[in-house]
Amino acid sequence: MPTYEYYCEANGQSVDVVHAMSTEMTTWGELCNIADIACGETQPDAPVIRQLSAIASLIPKGGTGPRGGTGGGCCGGGCGC
């Protein structure tokens, strides 16, 4: 499953969570529940914005990511280009 980064403007915090591509959190309360963290002083209904996580950008085009795989890249070879 992919890792997503959510940002909350109300408190300026970013939280990374792993979930299915079909799932998307829209509020701080939902995010805190999935991440198993306390909401703190931020209202649970505060909106959050889903962003691409930095870890997701490490997956090479056509590859499977840091845990191994063929690499692939644009030419389909193992060079990672």
C-alpha atoms as a PDB file:
ATOM      1  CA  MET A   1       0.000   0.000   0.000  1.00  0.00           C
ATOM      2  CA  PRO A   2       1.218   3.529  -0.717  1.00  0.00           C
ATOM      3  CA  THR A   3       2.352   6.044   1.873  1.00  0.00           C
ATOM      4  CA  TYR A   4       0.565   9.387   1.859  1.00  0.00           C
ATOM      5  CA  GLU A   5       1.410  12.634   3.589  1.00  0.00           C
ATOM      6  CA  TYR A   6      -1.479  14.698   4.886  1.00  0.00           C
ATOM      7  CA  TYR A   7      -1.112  18.346   5.881  1.00  0.00           C
ATOM      8  CA  CYS A   8      -3.376  20.219   8.292  1.00  0.00           C
ATOM      9  CA  GLU A   9      -3.377  24.007   7.889  1.00  0.00           C
ATOM     10  CA  ALA A  10      -5.088  24.460  11.258  1.00  0.00           C
ATOM     11  CA  ASN A  11      -2.055  23.197  13.177  1.00  0.00           C
ATOM     12  CA  GLY A  12       0.710  23.154  10.530  1.00  0.00           C
ATOM     13  CA  GLN A  13       1.390  19.439  11.052  1.00  0.00           C
ATOM     14  CA  SER A  14       2.139  16.828   8.411  1.00  0.00           C
ATOM     15  CA  VAL A  15       1.445  13.159   9.088  1.00  0.00           C
ATOM     16  CA  ASP A  16       2.485  10.145   6.984  1.00  0.00           C
ATOM     17  CA  VAL A  17       0.066   7.225   6.823  1.00  0.00           C
ATOM     18  CA  VAL A  18      -0.145   4.023   4.812  1.00  0.00           C
ATOM     19  CA  HIS A  19      -3.531   3.153   3.336  1.00  0.00           C
ATOM     20  CA  ALA A  20      -5.261   1.864   0.224  1.00  0.00           C
ATOM     21  CA  MET A  21      -5.307   4.125  -2.830  1.00  0.00           C
ATOM     22  CA  SER A  22      -9.120   4.184  -2.649  1.00  0.00           C
ATOM     23  CA  THR A  23      -9.041   5.727   0.845  1.00  0.00           C
ATOM     24  CA  GLU A  24      -8.674   9.439   1.453  1.00  0.00           C
ATOM     25  CA  MET A  25      -8.896  11.272   4.758  1.00  0.00           C
ATOM     26  CA  THR A  26     -10.576  14.673   4.717  1.00  0.00           C
ATOM     27  CA  THR A  27     -10.440  15.696   8.377  1.00  0.00           C
ATOM     28  CA  TRP A  28      -7.867  15.856  11.155  1.00  0.00           C
ATOM     29  CA  GLY A  29      -9.975  13.491  13.281  1.00  0.00           C
ATOM     30  CA  GLU A  30     -10.018  10.798  10.570  1.00  0.00           C
ATOM     31  CA  LEU A  31      -6.271  11.184  10.085  1.00  0.00           C
ATOM     32  CA  CYS A  32      -5.528  10.950  13.801  1.00  0.00           C
ATOM     33  CA  ASN A  33      -7.668   7.818  14.047  1.00  0.00           C
ATOM     34  CA  ILE A  34      -5.805   6.068  11.198  1.00  0.00           C
ATOM     35  CA  ALA A  35      -2.366   7.261  12.406  1.00  0.00           C
ATOM     36  CA  ASP A  36      -3.229   6.373  16.024  1.00  0.00           C
ATOM     37  CA  ILE A  37      -2.264   9.820  17.335  1.00  0.00           C
ATOM     38  CA  ALA A  38      -4.070  12.282  19.598  1.00  0.00           C
ATOM     39  CA  CYS A  39      -5.945  15.189  17.995  1.00  0.00           C
ATOM     40  CA  GLY A  40      -4.544  17.559  20.596  1.00  0.00           C
ATOM     41  CA  GLU A  41      -6.078  21.029  20.548  1.00  0.00           C
ATOM     42  CA  THR A  42      -6.937  20.843  16.832  1.00  0.00           C
ATOM     43  CA  GLN A  43     -10.626  20.414  16.055  1.00  0.00           C
ATOM     44  CA  PRO A  44     -11.356  16.911  14.689  1.00  0.00           C
ATOM     45  CA  ASP A  45     -13.300  18.411  11.768  1.00  0.00           C
ATOM     46  CA  ALA A  46     -10.339  20.562  10.607  1.00  0.00           C
ATOM     47  CA  PRO A  47      -9.655  19.800   6.928  1.00  0.00           C
ATOM     48  CA  VAL A  48      -6.495  18.006   5.802  1.00  0.00           C
ATOM     49  CA  ILE A  49      -4.856  17.971   2.370  1.00  0.00           C
ATOM     50  CA  ARG A  50      -3.389  14.780   0.899  1.00  0.00           C
ATOM     51  CA  GLN A  51       0.047  15.243  -0.637  1.00  0.00           C
ATOM     52  CA  LEU A  52       2.476  12.847  -2.258  1.00  0.00           C
ATOM     53  CA  SER A  53       4.786  11.507   0.412  1.00  0.00           C
ATOM     54  CA  ALA A  54       8.529  11.894  -0.066  1.00  0.00           C
ATOM     55  CA  ILE A  55       8.919   8.127   0.347  1.00  0.00           C
ATOM     56  CA  ALA A  56       6.598   7.532  -2.615  1.00  0.00           C
ATOM     57  CA  SER A  57       8.854   9.623  -4.825  1.00  0.00           C
ATOM     58  CA  LEU A  58      11.736   7.165  -4.178  1.00  0.00           C
ATOM     59  CA  ILE A  59      10.038   4.453  -6.233  1.00  0.00           C
ATOM     60  CA  PRO A  60      11.745   4.311  -9.637  1.00  0.00           C
ATOM     61  CA  LYS A  61       9.560   4.576 -12.702  1.00  0.00           C
ATOM     62  CA  GLY A  62       8.572   1.056 -13.686  1.00  0.00           C
ATOM     63  CA  GLY A  63      10.145  -0.395 -10.538  1.00  0.00           C
ATOM     64  CA  THR A  64       8.868  -1.691  -7.257  1.00  0.00           C
ATOM     65  CA  GLY A  65      10.706   0.589  -4.890  1.00  0.00           C
ATOM     66  CA  PRO A  66      13.340   0.430  -2.188  1.00  0.00           C
ATOM     67  CA  ARG A  67      12.610  -3.200  -1.281  1.00  0.00           C
ATOM     68  CA  GLY A  68      13.865  -4.521  -4.572  1.00  0.00           C
ATOM     69  CA  GLY A  69      12.513  -5.175  -7.994  1.00  0.00           C
ATOM     70  CA  THR A  70      13.665  -4.682 -11.523  1.00  0.00           C
ATOM     71  CA  GLY A  71      14.212  -0.930 -11.524  1.00  0.00           C
ATOM     72  CA  GLY A  72      13.000  -0.446 -15.059  1.00  0.00           C
ATOM     73  CA  GLY A  73      13.175   3.267 -15.659  1.00  0.00           C
ATOM     74  CA  CYS A  74      12.172   4.762 -18.972  1.00  0.00           C
ATOM     75  CA  CYS A  75      14.052   2.211 -21.090  1.00  0.00           C
ATOM     76  CA  GLY A  76      12.869  -0.856 -19.191  1.00  0.00           C
ATOM     77  CA  GLY A  77      16.401  -1.932 -18.262  1.00  0.00           C
ATOM     78  CA  GLY A  78      17.963  -2.199 -14.858  1.00  0.00           C
ATOM     79  CA  CYS A  79      19.828   1.109 -15.176  1.00  0.00           C
ATOM     80  CA  GLY A  80      17.107   3.150 -13.406  1.00  0.00           C
ATOM     81  CA  CYS A  81      17.132   5.938 -15.983  1.00  0.00           C
END
